[in-house]
Every structure is written in C-alpha cells, then in structure tokens.
C-alpha cells in the first residue's frame, strides 16, 4: 500500500495526478531529448546485467541483458556470444536470475 511504502497517507487521487504529471513530463522531454529518457530507463532498469530467458514466436533465447535500445528492445548477449535484439511485442521474459 502507499502508506506502507511511503509512511504517508497520500490520497489515491493525488498519487495518480502526480504519476500522470511525471509521465507527461517524461513524454514531452522525450520529444525533445529522447536520449535522456533512454538513459533514465537504463538507470532504473532491473534487467541490465541479468541472465534471462525470453520466449518469442521464434523460440527461446537465453542470455545476458546488455542494454536497452531506443526502440525499447532488449539487447541480449546469447550464450553463443552473438547479440540479439528483442522488442517488447516480440516476446516475454520467463525468468530472471540475480544481477551479475
């Protein structure tokens, strides 16, 4: 709950308003400086540096998440050493291991 996480009795309405304001700011910022939004995504990503298994229509891919790209794709370093880009609409992450 919000109270448990923040120690404050923030109203749901105020929480939603501030969340939408922040999303709007990020959106407008990305229109001008898209690279800044990508840098923020990299900074807060829980996937970078983790071993993952991604299920796609092409099959299963296991590898280390090395980067996020400007299209929102994961850049995986596969066990073979090759790199593979997987876009969000192409698959889903089945499992994650602790950050390396």
N, C-alpha and C. Protein backbone atom coordinates (compact mmCIF):
# COMPACT_ATOMS: atom_id res chain seq x y z
N UNK A 1 0.83 -1.19 0.00
CA UNK A 1 0.00 0.00 0.00
C UNK A 1 0.87 1.25 0.00
N UNK A 2 0.29 2.36 -0.37
CA UNK A 2 1.04 3.63 -0.40
C UNK A 2 1.51 4.03 0.98
N UNK A 3 0.66 3.85 1.98
CA UNK A 3 1.03 4.22 3.35
C UNK A 3 2.22 3.39 3.81
N UNK A 4 2.18 2.09 3.52
CA UNK A 4 3.26 1.20 3.93
C UNK A 4 4.57 1.58 3.25
N UNK A 5 4.51 1.91 1.96
CA UNK A 5 5.72 2.24 1.20
C UNK A 5 6.28 3.62 1.53
N UNK A 6 5.39 4.58 1.72
CA UNK A 6 5.85 5.97 1.88
C UNK A 6 5.77 6.48 3.30
N UNK A 7 4.99 5.80 4.15
CA UNK A 7 4.78 6.30 5.51
C UNK A 7 3.87 7.50 5.54
N UNK A 8 3.21 7.78 4.43
CA UNK A 8 2.34 8.94 4.31
C UNK A 8 0.97 8.49 3.82
N UNK A 9 -0.05 9.20 4.21
CA UNK A 9 -1.41 8.84 3.80
C UNK A 9 -1.81 9.60 2.54
N UNK A 10 -0.97 9.53 1.51
CA UNK A 10 -1.25 10.17 0.23
C UNK A 10 -2.53 9.61 -0.35
N UNK A 11 -3.38 10.50 -0.85
CA UNK A 11 -4.63 10.03 -1.44
C UNK A 11 -4.35 9.37 -2.79
N UNK A 12 -5.21 8.45 -3.17
CA UNK A 12 -5.05 7.78 -4.46
C UNK A 12 -5.15 8.80 -5.59
N UNK A 13 -6.05 9.77 -5.43
CA UNK A 13 -6.22 10.80 -6.46
C UNK A 13 -4.93 11.60 -6.63
N UNK A 14 -4.34 12.04 -5.53
CA UNK A 14 -3.10 12.83 -5.61
C UNK A 14 -1.95 11.99 -6.17
N UNK A 15 -1.89 10.72 -5.77
CA UNK A 15 -0.86 9.82 -6.29
C UNK A 15 -1.00 9.68 -7.80
N UNK A 16 -2.22 9.46 -8.28
CA UNK A 16 -2.46 9.32 -9.71
C UNK A 16 -2.12 10.61 -10.45
N UNK A 17 -2.53 11.75 -9.89
CA UNK A 17 -2.21 13.04 -10.52
C UNK A 17 -0.71 13.23 -10.66
N UNK A 18 0.03 12.97 -9.60
CA UNK A 18 1.48 13.19 -9.66
C UNK A 18 2.15 12.19 -10.60
N UNK A 19 1.65 10.96 -10.65
CA UNK A 19 2.19 9.96 -11.57
C UNK A 19 1.96 10.39 -13.02
N UNK A 20 0.74 10.84 -13.31
CA UNK A 20 0.43 11.29 -14.67
C UNK A 20 1.22 12.54 -15.05
N UNK A 21 1.43 13.44 -14.10
CA UNK A 21 2.25 14.63 -14.37
C UNK A 21 3.68 14.22 -14.72
N UNK A 22 4.22 13.28 -13.97
CA UNK A 22 5.59 12.82 -14.24
C UNK A 22 5.68 12.14 -15.61
N UNK A 23 4.67 11.32 -15.95
CA UNK A 23 4.66 10.67 -17.26
C UNK A 23 4.57 11.70 -18.38
N UNK A 24 3.74 12.72 -18.17
CA UNK A 24 3.62 13.79 -19.16
C UNK A 24 4.96 14.52 -19.33
N UNK A 25 5.63 14.82 -18.22
CA UNK A 25 6.94 15.47 -18.30
C UNK A 25 7.95 14.61 -19.05
N UNK A 26 7.94 13.31 -18.76
CA UNK A 26 8.85 12.40 -19.45
C UNK A 26 8.54 12.34 -20.94
N UNK A 27 7.25 12.32 -21.26
CA UNK A 27 6.84 12.27 -22.67
C UNK A 27 7.34 13.50 -23.42
N UNK A 28 7.06 14.69 -22.88
CA UNK A 28 7.48 15.91 -23.56
C UNK A 28 9.00 16.02 -23.61
N UNK A 29 9.65 15.58 -22.58
CA UNK A 29 11.11 15.57 -22.56
C UNK A 29 11.66 14.65 -23.65
N UNK A 30 11.00 13.50 -23.83
CA UNK A 30 11.48 12.54 -24.83
C UNK A 30 11.29 13.06 -26.24
N UNK A 31 10.30 13.94 -26.44
CA UNK A 31 10.09 14.52 -27.76
C UNK A 31 11.26 15.43 -28.15
N UNK A 32 11.85 16.06 -27.16
CA UNK A 32 12.96 16.98 -27.39
C UNK A 32 14.30 16.26 -27.26
N UNK A 33 14.43 15.47 -26.20
CA UNK A 33 15.70 14.79 -25.88
C UNK A 33 15.43 13.31 -25.60
N UNK A 34 15.14 12.54 -26.64
CA UNK A 34 14.82 11.13 -26.47
C UNK A 34 15.90 10.35 -25.76
N UNK A 35 17.15 10.73 -25.97
CA UNK A 35 18.26 10.01 -25.35
C UNK A 35 18.23 10.13 -23.83
N UNK A 36 17.68 11.23 -23.30
CA UNK A 36 17.61 11.38 -21.84
C UNK A 36 16.65 10.36 -21.22
N UNK A 37 15.54 10.11 -21.90
CA UNK A 37 14.58 9.12 -21.41
C UNK A 37 15.20 7.73 -21.45
N UNK A 38 15.94 7.44 -22.50
CA UNK A 38 16.61 6.15 -22.60
C UNK A 38 17.64 5.99 -21.49
N UNK A 39 18.37 7.04 -21.19
CA UNK A 39 19.34 6.98 -20.10
C UNK A 39 18.66 6.73 -18.75
N UNK A 40 17.49 7.36 -18.53
CA UNK A 40 16.74 7.11 -17.29
C UNK A 40 16.26 5.67 -17.23
N UNK A 41 15.79 5.15 -18.37
CA UNK A 41 15.34 3.76 -18.42
C UNK A 41 16.49 2.82 -18.08
N UNK A 42 17.66 3.09 -18.61
CA UNK A 42 18.83 2.27 -18.31
C UNK A 42 19.19 2.36 -16.83
N UNK A 43 19.11 3.56 -16.28
CA UNK A 43 19.47 3.78 -14.88
C UNK A 43 18.57 2.98 -13.93
N UNK A 44 17.28 2.91 -14.24
CA UNK A 44 16.33 2.27 -13.34
C UNK A 44 15.95 0.84 -13.75
N UNK A 45 16.53 0.34 -14.82
CA UNK A 45 16.19 -1.00 -15.29
C UNK A 45 16.66 -2.07 -14.31
N UNK A 46 15.77 -3.00 -14.02
CA UNK A 46 16.14 -4.13 -13.17
C UNK A 46 16.68 -5.29 -14.00
N UNK A 47 16.70 -5.14 -15.32
CA UNK A 47 17.11 -6.22 -16.20
C UNK A 47 18.58 -6.17 -16.60
N UNK A 48 19.15 -4.99 -16.67
CA UNK A 48 20.54 -4.88 -17.13
C UNK A 48 21.47 -5.70 -16.24
N UNK A 49 22.30 -6.50 -16.88
CA UNK A 49 23.25 -7.32 -16.15
C UNK A 49 22.68 -8.62 -15.63
N UNK A 50 21.47 -8.96 -16.02
CA UNK A 50 20.84 -10.20 -15.55
C UNK A 50 20.76 -11.24 -16.67
N UNK A 51 20.87 -12.49 -16.26
CA UNK A 51 20.62 -13.61 -17.16
C UNK A 51 19.11 -13.79 -17.25
N UNK A 52 18.59 -13.88 -18.47
CA UNK A 52 17.15 -14.05 -18.66
C UNK A 52 16.89 -15.11 -19.72
N UNK A 53 15.68 -15.61 -19.68
CA UNK A 53 15.18 -16.46 -20.76
C UNK A 53 13.99 -15.73 -21.34
N UNK A 54 14.03 -15.48 -22.65
CA UNK A 54 12.96 -14.77 -23.32
C UNK A 54 12.27 -15.74 -24.27
N UNK A 55 10.94 -15.79 -24.18
CA UNK A 55 10.15 -16.65 -25.05
C UNK A 55 9.57 -15.78 -26.16
N UNK A 56 9.83 -16.16 -27.40
CA UNK A 56 9.30 -15.42 -28.56
C UNK A 56 8.65 -16.42 -29.51
N UNK A 57 8.05 -15.89 -30.57
CA UNK A 57 7.47 -16.78 -31.59
C UNK A 57 8.57 -17.52 -32.35
N UNK A 58 9.80 -17.01 -32.31
CA UNK A 58 10.95 -17.67 -32.95
C UNK A 58 11.53 -18.78 -32.08
N UNK A 59 11.19 -18.80 -30.80
CA UNK A 59 11.74 -19.78 -29.87
C UNK A 59 12.20 -19.13 -28.59
N UNK A 60 12.97 -19.90 -27.81
CA UNK A 60 13.50 -19.42 -26.54
C UNK A 60 14.93 -18.93 -26.74
N UNK A 61 15.23 -17.83 -26.07
CA UNK A 61 16.58 -17.27 -26.11
C UNK A 61 17.04 -17.02 -24.69
N UNK A 62 18.24 -17.51 -24.38
CA UNK A 62 18.82 -17.26 -23.06
C UNK A 62 20.06 -16.40 -23.25
N UNK A 63 20.19 -15.42 -22.36
CA UNK A 63 21.37 -14.59 -22.46
C UNK A 63 21.41 -13.52 -21.39
N UNK A 64 22.46 -12.74 -21.46
CA UNK A 64 22.69 -11.65 -20.52
C UNK A 64 22.14 -10.36 -21.13
N UNK A 65 21.30 -9.65 -20.38
CA UNK A 65 20.78 -8.37 -20.87
C UNK A 65 21.92 -7.36 -20.80
N UNK A 66 22.36 -6.91 -21.97
CA UNK A 66 23.49 -5.98 -22.03
C UNK A 66 23.06 -4.54 -22.14
N UNK A 67 21.89 -4.32 -22.77
CA UNK A 67 21.49 -2.93 -22.98
C UNK A 67 20.01 -2.87 -23.34
N UNK A 68 19.49 -1.66 -23.32
CA UNK A 68 18.17 -1.32 -23.84
C UNK A 68 18.43 -0.41 -25.02
N UNK A 69 17.62 -0.51 -26.07
CA UNK A 69 17.84 0.39 -27.19
C UNK A 69 16.71 1.39 -27.33
N UNK A 70 16.86 2.29 -28.29
CA UNK A 70 15.90 3.39 -28.45
C UNK A 70 14.50 2.94 -28.84
N UNK A 71 14.35 1.71 -29.31
CA UNK A 71 13.03 1.17 -29.65
C UNK A 71 12.38 0.43 -28.48
N UNK A 72 13.07 0.38 -27.35
CA UNK A 72 12.54 -0.34 -26.19
C UNK A 72 12.94 -1.80 -26.18
N UNK A 73 13.82 -2.18 -27.07
CA UNK A 73 14.25 -3.57 -27.16
C UNK A 73 15.33 -3.92 -26.17
N UNK A 74 15.36 -5.20 -25.82
CA UNK A 74 16.44 -5.75 -25.00
C UNK A 74 17.55 -6.18 -25.94
N UNK A 75 18.77 -5.86 -25.59
CA UNK A 75 19.92 -6.38 -26.32
C UNK A 75 20.51 -7.49 -25.45
N UNK A 76 20.36 -8.72 -25.94
CA UNK A 76 20.86 -9.90 -25.21
C UNK A 76 22.18 -10.35 -25.80
N UNK A 77 23.11 -10.73 -24.94
CA UNK A 77 24.31 -11.44 -25.38
C UNK A 77 24.00 -12.91 -25.15
N UNK A 78 23.79 -13.62 -26.23
CA UNK A 78 23.44 -15.04 -26.16
C UNK A 78 24.64 -15.86 -25.70
N UNK A 79 24.37 -17.09 -25.30
CA UNK A 79 25.43 -17.98 -24.84
C UNK A 79 26.48 -18.22 -25.92
N UNK A 80 26.06 -18.09 -27.20
CA UNK A 80 26.98 -18.26 -28.32
C UNK A 80 27.91 -17.06 -28.51
N UNK A 81 27.61 -15.97 -27.79
CA UNK A 81 28.40 -14.75 -27.94
C UNK A 81 27.77 -13.74 -28.88
N UNK A 82 26.80 -14.19 -29.67
CA UNK A 82 26.09 -13.28 -30.58
C UNK A 82 25.15 -12.39 -29.79
N UNK A 83 24.80 -11.26 -30.38
CA UNK A 83 23.84 -10.34 -29.77
C UNK A 83 22.50 -10.44 -30.49
N UNK A 84 21.42 -10.36 -29.73
CA UNK A 84 20.07 -10.42 -30.30
C UNK A 84 19.24 -9.32 -29.68
N UNK A 85 18.54 -8.59 -30.55
CA UNK A 85 17.61 -7.55 -30.09
C UNK A 85 16.21 -8.15 -30.07
N UNK A 86 15.52 -7.98 -28.95
CA UNK A 86 14.16 -8.48 -28.82
C UNK A 86 13.28 -7.31 -28.38
N UNK A 87 12.30 -6.98 -29.22
CA UNK A 87 11.37 -5.89 -28.92
C UNK A 87 10.29 -6.37 -27.96
N UNK A 88 9.68 -5.45 -27.20
CA UNK A 88 8.67 -5.85 -26.21
C UNK A 88 7.52 -6.67 -26.81
N UNK A 89 7.09 -6.33 -28.01
CA UNK A 89 5.95 -7.04 -28.62
C UNK A 89 6.34 -8.41 -29.18
N UNK A 90 7.62 -8.73 -29.20
CA UNK A 90 8.08 -9.99 -29.78
C UNK A 90 8.16 -11.14 -28.78
N UNK A 91 8.14 -10.84 -27.49
CA UNK A 91 8.28 -11.91 -26.53
C UNK A 91 8.11 -11.45 -25.11
N UNK A 92 8.35 -12.37 -24.20
CA UNK A 92 8.25 -12.05 -22.77
C UNK A 92 9.35 -12.77 -22.02
N UNK A 93 9.68 -12.23 -20.86
CA UNK A 93 10.73 -12.80 -20.04
C UNK A 93 10.12 -13.86 -19.14
N UNK A 94 10.67 -15.07 -19.22
CA UNK A 94 10.14 -16.18 -18.43
C UNK A 94 10.70 -16.17 -17.01
N UNK A 95 11.98 -15.93 -16.88
CA UNK A 95 12.59 -15.96 -15.55
C UNK A 95 13.81 -15.06 -15.53
N UNK A 96 14.20 -14.68 -14.33
CA UNK A 96 15.38 -13.84 -14.16
C UNK A 96 16.26 -14.43 -13.08
N UNK A 97 17.54 -14.19 -13.22
CA UNK A 97 18.47 -14.58 -12.17
C UNK A 97 19.04 -13.32 -11.55
N UNK A 98 19.69 -13.44 -10.40
CA UNK A 98 20.28 -12.26 -9.76
C UNK A 98 21.25 -11.55 -10.67
N UNK A 99 21.40 -10.25 -10.45
CA UNK A 99 22.32 -9.43 -11.24
C UNK A 99 23.74 -9.93 -11.08
N UNK A 100 24.46 -9.97 -12.20
CA UNK A 100 25.84 -10.45 -12.20
C UNK A 100 26.78 -9.30 -11.94
